[in-house]
Structures are given as C-alpha cells and as structure tokens.
Protein backbone atom coordinates (compact mmCIF):
# COMPACT_ATOMS: atom_id res chain seq x y z
CA UNK A 1 37.54 91.24 -54.22
CA UNK A 2 37.53 88.63 -56.92
CA UNK A 3 38.62 85.09 -56.15
CA UNK A 4 42.36 84.40 -56.56
CA UNK A 5 42.95 88.07 -57.37
CA UNK A 6 46.52 87.87 -56.11
CA UNK A 7 47.39 85.46 -58.91
CA UNK A 8 48.02 88.37 -61.27
CA UNK A 9 51.14 88.95 -59.16
CA UNK A 10 52.07 85.27 -59.06
CA UNK A 11 50.89 84.98 -55.46
CA UNK A 12 48.45 82.65 -53.74
CA UNK A 13 47.46 85.34 -51.25
CA UNK A 14 48.62 88.38 -49.32
CA UNK A 15 51.99 87.45 -47.72
CA UNK A 16 51.90 90.43 -45.36
CA UNK A 17 48.62 89.63 -43.64
CA UNK A 18 50.39 88.28 -40.57
CA UNK A 19 52.30 91.20 -39.10
CA UNK A 20 54.74 89.03 -37.21
CA UNK A 21 56.66 85.77 -37.52
CA UNK A 22 56.76 85.08 -33.80
CA UNK A 23 56.98 81.31 -33.78
CA UNK A 24 59.89 78.91 -33.97
CA UNK A 25 58.88 77.46 -37.32
CA UNK A 26 58.98 80.78 -39.16
CA UNK A 27 61.53 82.84 -37.30
CA UNK A 28 64.67 81.70 -39.14
CA UNK A 29 62.92 81.79 -42.51
CA UNK A 30 61.76 85.39 -42.26
CA UNK A 31 64.51 86.91 -40.13
CA UNK A 32 66.72 89.50 -41.85
CA UNK A 33 70.25 89.64 -40.48
CA UNK A 34 71.61 93.01 -39.38
CA UNK A 35 74.94 93.98 -37.82
CA UNK A 36 73.47 93.50 -34.35
CA UNK A 37 72.93 89.82 -35.14
CA UNK A 38 76.67 89.32 -35.61
CA UNK A 39 77.21 90.69 -32.10
CA UNK A 40 74.58 88.33 -30.70
CA UNK A 41 76.14 85.44 -32.60
CA UNK A 42 79.55 86.06 -31.03
CA UNK A 43 78.07 86.30 -27.52
CA UNK A 44 75.99 83.15 -28.07
CA UNK A 45 78.95 81.12 -29.34
CA UNK A 46 81.08 82.14 -26.34
CA UNK A 47 78.27 81.09 -24.01
CA UNK A 48 77.71 77.75 -25.70
CA UNK A 49 81.44 77.03 -25.45
CA UNK A 50 81.25 78.06 -21.74
CA UNK A 51 84.07 80.52 -22.34
CA UNK A 52 82.22 83.54 -20.96
CA UNK A 53 79.04 84.62 -19.22
CA UNK A 54 77.00 87.57 -20.46
CA UNK A 55 74.08 89.79 -19.53
CA UNK A 56 72.71 91.54 -22.61
CA UNK A 57 70.17 94.34 -22.89
CA UNK A 58 68.38 94.07 -26.23
CA UNK A 59 66.60 97.36 -26.87
CA UNK A 60 64.27 98.69 -29.54
CA UNK A 61 60.87 100.21 -30.15
CA UNK A 62 57.64 98.28 -30.61
CA UNK A 63 57.85 96.13 -33.71
CA UNK A 64 61.63 96.51 -34.03
CA UNK A 65 62.33 92.77 -33.76
CA UNK A 66 63.15 92.11 -30.10
CA UNK A 67 60.83 89.12 -29.70
CA UNK A 68 62.00 87.71 -33.02
CA UNK A 69 65.61 87.71 -31.85
CA UNK A 70 64.73 86.04 -28.56
CA UNK A 71 63.02 83.35 -30.60
CA UNK A 72 66.19 82.97 -32.68
CA UNK A 73 68.14 82.43 -29.46
CA UNK A 74 65.60 79.89 -28.24
CA UNK A 75 65.79 78.06 -31.54
CA UNK A 76 69.58 77.96 -31.24
CA UNK A 77 69.27 76.51 -27.74
CA UNK A 78 66.96 73.78 -29.04
CA UNK A 79 69.33 72.98 -31.89
CA UNK A 80 72.34 72.76 -29.55
CA UNK A 81 70.45 70.93 -26.79
CA UNK A 82 71.24 73.73 -24.36
CA UNK A 83 69.23 74.59 -21.25
CA UNK A 84 66.83 77.45 -21.95
CA UNK A 85 64.38 79.21 -19.64
CA UNK A 86 62.08 82.01 -20.77
CA UNK A 87 59.97 84.64 -19.09
CA UNK A 88 57.59 87.34 -20.22
CA UNK A 89 56.96 90.39 -18.07
CA UNK A 90 53.45 90.65 -16.68
CA UNK A 91 51.72 93.17 -14.42
CA UNK A 92 52.53 90.95 -11.43
CA UNK A 93 56.17 89.99 -11.22
CA UNK A 94 55.50 87.01 -8.95
CA UNK A 95 53.65 85.42 -11.87
CA UNK A 96 56.63 86.07 -14.12
CA UNK A 97 59.08 84.63 -11.60
CA UNK A 98 56.81 81.59 -11.29
CA UNK A 99 56.83 81.23 -15.07
CA UNK A 100 60.64 81.30 -15.13
CA UNK A 101 60.85 78.70 -12.35
CA UNK A 102 58.38 76.40 -14.10
CA UNK A 103 60.19 76.81 -17.41
CA UNK A 104 63.38 75.69 -15.69
CA UNK A 105 61.72 72.76 -13.93
CA UNK A 106 60.24 71.55 -17.20
CA UNK A 107 63.81 71.14 -18.48
CA UNK A 108 64.50 68.61 -15.74
CA UNK A 109 61.72 66.27 -16.87
CA UNK A 110 62.35 66.33 -20.61
CA UNK A 111 64.26 63.89 -22.78
CA UNK A 112 66.37 61.36 -20.95
CA UNK A 113 66.06 62.97 -17.54
CA UNK A 114 64.49 60.78 -14.88
CA UNK A 115 61.45 62.13 -13.08
CA UNK A 116 62.29 59.94 -10.09
CA UNK A 117 65.78 61.33 -9.45
CA UNK A 118 65.50 65.05 -9.87
CA UNK A 119 68.63 67.17 -9.24
CA UNK A 120 69.16 69.38 -6.19
CA UNK A 121 68.62 72.59 -8.16
CA UNK A 122 65.20 71.32 -9.24
CA UNK A 123 64.18 70.67 -5.64
CA UNK A 124 65.30 74.18 -4.71
CA UNK A 125 63.16 75.63 -7.49
CA UNK A 126 60.20 73.55 -6.34
CA UNK A 127 60.55 74.90 -2.81
CA UNK A 128 60.61 78.53 -3.97
CA UNK A 129 57.76 77.96 -6.42
CA UNK A 130 55.55 76.30 -3.80
CA UNK A 131 55.21 79.48 -1.78
CA UNK A 132 55.55 82.09 -4.50
CA UNK A 133 51.86 83.01 -4.81
CA UNK A 134 51.85 84.00 -1.14
CA UNK A 135 54.67 86.38 -1.91
CA UNK A 136 58.25 85.60 -2.81
CA UNK A 137 61.62 86.48 -1.34
CA UNK A 138 63.53 88.18 -4.19
CA UNK A 139 66.92 86.99 -3.00
CA UNK A 140 65.87 83.36 -2.49
CA UNK A 141 64.32 83.32 -5.95
CA UNK A 142 67.48 84.84 -7.43
CA UNK A 143 69.74 82.28 -5.75
CA UNK A 144 67.56 79.41 -6.98
CA UNK A 145 67.48 80.66 -10.57
CA UNK A 146 71.23 81.31 -10.64
CA UNK A 147 71.95 77.84 -9.23
CA UNK A 148 69.82 76.18 -11.90
CA UNK A 149 71.50 78.15 -14.69
CA UNK A 150 75.02 77.42 -13.42
CA UNK A 151 74.35 73.71 -12.92
CA UNK A 152 72.98 73.39 -16.45
CA UNK A 153 75.49 75.51 -18.37
CA UNK A 154 75.48 76.25 -21.22
CA UNK A 155 72.18 77.86 -20.31
CA UNK A 156 70.07 80.77 -21.57
CA UNK A 157 67.61 82.92 -19.63
CA UNK A 158 65.50 85.06 -21.97
CA UNK A 159 63.21 87.73 -20.52
CA UNK A 160 60.93 89.61 -22.90
CA UNK A 161 59.28 93.04 -22.65
CA UNK A 162 61.04 94.50 -19.63
CA UNK A 163 59.17 97.75 -20.29
CA UNK A 164 56.01 96.02 -19.05
CA UNK A 165 57.31 95.91 -15.50
CA UNK A 166 54.81 97.32 -12.99
CA UNK A 167 55.56 100.44 -11.06
CA UNK A 168 57.65 100.82 -7.95
CA UNK A 169 57.64 98.21 -5.17
CA UNK A 170 56.80 95.13 -7.25
CA UNK A 171 59.24 96.22 -9.93
CA UNK A 172 61.99 96.74 -7.35
CA UNK A 173 61.46 93.22 -5.98
CA UNK A 174 61.88 91.64 -9.38
CA UNK A 175 64.91 93.76 -10.23
CA UNK A 176 66.45 92.61 -6.95
CA UNK A 177 65.89 89.01 -8.06
CA UNK A 178 67.49 89.84 -11.38
CA UNK A 179 70.45 91.48 -9.64
CA UNK A 180 71.11 88.36 -7.55
CA UNK A 181 70.94 86.17 -10.68
CA UNK A 182 73.31 88.36 -12.70
CA UNK A 183 75.69 88.60 -9.75
CA UNK A 184 75.97 84.83 -9.27
CA UNK A 185 76.03 83.35 -12.78
CA UNK A 186 79.21 81.69 -14.04
CA UNK A 187 80.72 81.20 -17.53
CA UNK A 188 78.32 79.36 -19.82
CA UNK A 189 75.27 81.41 -18.85
CA UNK A 190 73.63 84.01 -21.10
CA UNK A 191 70.87 86.34 -19.88
CA UNK A 192 69.09 88.51 -22.43
CA UNK A 193 66.67 91.22 -21.32
CA UNK A 194 64.59 92.88 -24.02
CA UNK A 195 62.64 96.09 -23.74
CA UNK A 196 61.80 99.52 -25.06
CA UNK A 197 65.01 101.55 -25.20
CA UNK A 198 63.81 104.71 -23.43
CA UNK A 199 62.05 102.82 -20.63
CA UNK A 200 64.92 100.37 -20.23
CA UNK A 201 67.51 103.11 -19.86
CA UNK A 202 65.31 104.86 -17.29
CA UNK A 203 64.95 101.71 -15.19
CA UNK A 204 68.66 100.95 -15.37
CA UNK A 205 69.52 104.51 -14.37
CA UNK A 206 67.43 104.10 -11.22
CA UNK A 207 69.05 100.73 -10.45
CA UNK A 208 72.78 101.33 -11.01
CA UNK A 209 73.93 98.13 -9.27
CA UNK A 210 71.98 96.03 -11.78
CA UNK A 211 73.03 98.26 -14.66
CA UNK A 212 76.68 97.56 -13.82
CA UNK A 213 76.06 93.83 -14.35
CA UNK A 214 74.98 94.33 -17.98
CA UNK A 215 77.87 93.53 -20.30
CA UNK A 216 76.37 94.70 -23.58
CA UNK A 217 73.58 97.09 -24.51
CA UNK A 218 72.45 96.40 -28.07
CA UNK A 219 70.01 98.72 -29.82
CA UNK A 220 68.17 97.28 -32.83
CA UNK A 221 68.66 99.72 -35.73
CA UNK A 222 65.98 100.61 -38.29
CA UNK A 223 65.98 98.63 -41.52
CA UNK A 224 67.83 100.18 -44.43
CA UNK A 225 66.24 99.88 -47.88
CA UNK A 226 68.26 96.78 -48.77
CA UNK A 227 67.16 95.02 -45.58
CA UNK A 228 63.56 96.14 -46.10
CA UNK A 229 63.64 94.69 -49.64
CA UNK A 230 64.98 91.37 -48.36
CA UNK A 231 62.33 91.24 -45.64
CA UNK A 232 59.49 91.73 -48.12
CA UNK A 233 61.07 89.35 -50.64
CA UNK A 234 61.15 86.58 -48.02
CA UNK A 235 57.44 87.11 -47.32
CA UNK A 236 56.57 87.19 -51.01
CA UNK A 237 58.46 83.94 -51.61
CA UNK A 238 56.24 82.15 -49.09
CA UNK A 239 53.17 82.86 -51.25
CA UNK A 240 54.83 82.70 -54.67
CA UNK A 241 53.13 80.48 -57.27
CA UNK A 242 55.76 80.80 -59.99
CA UNK A 243 59.54 80.61 -59.82
CA UNK A 244 60.75 82.61 -62.82
CA UNK A 245 59.70 86.00 -61.56
CA UNK A 246 61.49 88.89 -59.87
CA UNK A 247 61.69 88.30 -56.11
CA UNK A 248 60.13 91.69 -55.32
CA UNK A 249 57.36 91.66 -57.93
CA UNK A 250 54.96 93.47 -58.01
CA UNK A 251 57.03 96.03 -56.09
CA UNK A 252 59.87 98.05 -57.57
CA UNK A 253 62.92 98.85 -55.40
CA UNK A 254 61.86 102.51 -55.48
CA UNK A 255 58.42 101.61 -54.12
CA UNK A 256 59.97 99.72 -51.21
CA UNK A 257 62.20 102.69 -50.52
CA UNK A 258 59.11 104.88 -50.14
CA UNK A 259 57.46 102.30 -47.88
CA UNK A 260 60.53 101.93 -45.72
CA UNK A 261 60.88 105.68 -45.34
CA UNK A 262 57.23 105.89 -44.31
CA UNK A 263 57.76 103.07 -41.81
CA UNK A 264 60.96 104.71 -40.55
CA UNK A 265 62.67 101.36 -40.87
CA UNK A 266 60.33 99.67 -38.39
CA UNK A 267 59.70 96.04 -39.49
CA UNK A 268 56.20 95.81 -38.03
CA UNK A 269 55.08 99.06 -39.62
CA UNK A 270 56.70 98.09 -42.94
CA UNK A 271 54.62 94.91 -43.04
CA UNK A 272 51.48 96.82 -42.15
CA UNK A 273 52.00 99.32 -44.96
CA UNK A 274 52.89 96.58 -47.45
CA UNK A 275 49.74 94.67 -46.47
CA UNK A 276 47.56 97.73 -47.09
CA UNK A 277 49.35 98.63 -50.30
CA UNK A 278 49.10 95.18 -51.86
CA UNK A 279 45.40 94.86 -51.06
CA UNK A 280 44.69 98.22 -52.66
CA UNK A 281 46.90 97.45 -55.65
CA UNK A 282 44.84 94.31 -56.30
CA UNK A 283 41.61 96.31 -56.13
CA UNK A 284 43.00 98.96 -58.46
CA UNK A 285 44.34 96.26 -60.86
CA UNK A 286 47.76 97.87 -60.85
CA UNK A 287 50.23 95.92 -63.00
CA UNK A 288 53.29 96.99 -61.06
CA UNK A 289 53.62 98.86 -57.78
CA UNK A 290 56.14 101.65 -58.34
CA UNK A 291 56.98 104.79 -56.40
CA UNK A 292 54.09 106.75 -57.86
CA UNK A 293 51.66 103.91 -57.15
CA UNK A 294 52.63 103.91 -53.48
CA UNK A 295 51.92 107.61 -53.16
CA UNK A 296 48.62 107.33 -55.02
CA UNK A 297 47.29 104.19 -53.35
CA UNK A 298 48.24 104.79 -49.75
CA UNK A 299 46.63 107.61 -47.83
CA UNK A 300 49.18 110.29 -47.02
CA UNK A 301 48.08 110.26 -43.39
CA UNK A 302 48.98 106.57 -43.24
CA UNK A 303 52.42 107.29 -44.66
CA UNK A 304 53.00 109.94 -42.02
CA UNK A 305 51.83 107.75 -39.14
CA UNK A 306 54.42 107.19 -36.45
CA UNK A 307 55.69 103.58 -36.55
CA UNK A 308 54.46 101.47 -33.66
CA UNK A 309 51.35 103.56 -32.95
CA UNK A 310 48.81 101.21 -31.43
CA UNK A 311 51.12 98.27 -32.10
CA UNK A 312 52.40 95.77 -29.61
CA UNK A 313 55.56 93.71 -29.79
CA UNK A 314 53.60 90.68 -28.62
CA UNK A 315 52.09 89.42 -25.42
CA UNK A 316 54.62 88.50 -22.74
CA UNK A 317 54.23 84.78 -23.39
CA UNK A 318 55.23 84.94 -27.06
CA UNK A 319 58.72 83.57 -26.60
CA UNK A 320 57.76 80.93 -24.07
CA UNK A 321 54.81 79.61 -26.04
CA UNK A 322 56.68 79.35 -29.30
CA UNK A 323 57.60 75.69 -28.95
CA UNK A 324 55.75 72.63 -27.77
CA UNK A 325 58.46 71.93 -25.23
CA UNK A 326 61.48 73.74 -23.81
CA UNK A 327 65.05 73.01 -24.75
CA UNK A 328 66.75 70.26 -22.81
CA UNK A 329 70.32 69.75 -21.85
CA UNK A 330 71.47 66.23 -22.49
C-alpha cells in the first residue's frame, strides 16, 4: 500500500483499526448513546444523590458495548469523586474477590485519605483479603464488601463478564458472596453486573434468591442505521485531516446501512467490517464507498459471518485497568 494512501479520503490513517475504545480517555468520545443509556443515567443520578440503591444486570452479546458502558460509569464516578470498585470475572473467583477487595482498599489510600488512620471497613477488608488465597468464606467476604460500599456511599461496584464464571462449586461460592452484598447494601450504592444475556439468564434462573435482588435487567439493543452512522463518523473524525468534508466520507449512508445489516447491529463487528472495507477501498482506489462498492469489495462470506464469532468483549481486567488510579471519595 502506498504511503499516506488514506489521504485521498481526507484521513491520516484507518480509524477502525482498533476494534474497541476500552479506555477512559476514549470512551466518552466514541460512545453512541442509545435508549438504554437514558435508563442507566437515571439510575446513576439516583445513586449519586443517595436516593436509592440499585442492582443492575447489563446484558448483551460479545462486542455489544457492555465493557464500554461500565467504563462510562467508572468515568462518571471519577468525575463526581464517588467511591468505585471494579472486578473482572476470572476462572478462579477467589482471585476476582481479591481484586474487588484490593480495588476498594486502594480507595482508602488515595487523595486526602491518611494511610495512618485507616477506617474500620478498610481493616475488615484487609482481614478478609489476608486469608483469601487459602480459600475464602463467601458470607464474610460479602459482609465486608457491603460494609465498605455502605460506608462510602455514593459508591459503585462494577463487575464485568459474569458469563466467565467457572462451573458449579466455585461459581456458587461467588454468587453467595454477591447475594450477601446485594442483600445488605443501602441507598447510595449501585451494583452493575455485565454478561452475555443467555448465560446470565441461565445463572439467575438457577439462583432465584440472587435474581430477586436485581432491580433492573437492561439488554443492549443492536445499533440502528442512524446509530451505526454516528459511531463510524466519530471514528472518522479522529483521523480527519480536513474540516470541510462530509462526516461520513468516503462512505454513503446506504453503504453504512449494508454494513450495519451485515454486522446485525453489533458495534464490534461493524468496526471490523468497516476496517476491512476501508483498507480494500484504498487498494482499489475507490473514490466513494457506496452500497455497490460494499458488496463488491467485501467477500460475501464475511458479510454473512455471525457477529461476535471469535471475538471477545475484552479481558476481565479491562474496566479495572482503564485508569491509573481508582476513584476516590472525598
């Protein structure tokens, strides 16, 4: 490919090369608001005002935008100086519980907090964490986490990729911890659990007592063509060299409609197809990518590929590693 070949489209490079925007710096820039975000906004505002508590199940397929929305919540916590703990599901739940405990303890030693006079809830977390690698008591861990959240309200607990939970006994232990937490939290605490919809519903069906503690079950819908256009336009803007040009160029609205249909409204798959299409359009020296160009350039088998095949929403640590330091409550 010739040097600076994207310049014919007024671009410095391919804006779709990175299939995700899973970091705090980019998440608000690239995020496309859907109706589900208004629901999350209302729940978040009520929590931050300590008017209500909430346990939310955020469900969607791989690449649907679950991790992105958890990052939006974490960014909001940082902006509002709220307490925020995060956890990513791993194959060993004791490691995940340890990660949650350490995320909470980090909050106690940030900002103006004194490391010499740590609060009671921090000492409780330390005690549970000290012995956790030898095996943890689910109820003790749950009590400790709930106490820390209540004492630091408004507080968020964000747990990503619930569908990664291991099978049977270890899973049951963690879900017992989660049940204790959800049972004991008070107004000003928000817990968001994200996961694959089918798996999540199966787990909740087998654990009805925990399922009863979930206030809202939100399913991320597929992108419509307008939302898909906005998503690609935001990416294109990041690489745009000239201002006086159509926001979607070199794509036509019809071309994006074909792409979005092929992606079945899945954001991750849409970016993957757009990446492939733009690279091939550059090679073919296409002036404008219209509906016919999409069908000619992209292999039909690629268009028919099921969204999410071989894709991953992100490793469990994506949300937790997104910032240099956790949010602190002043």
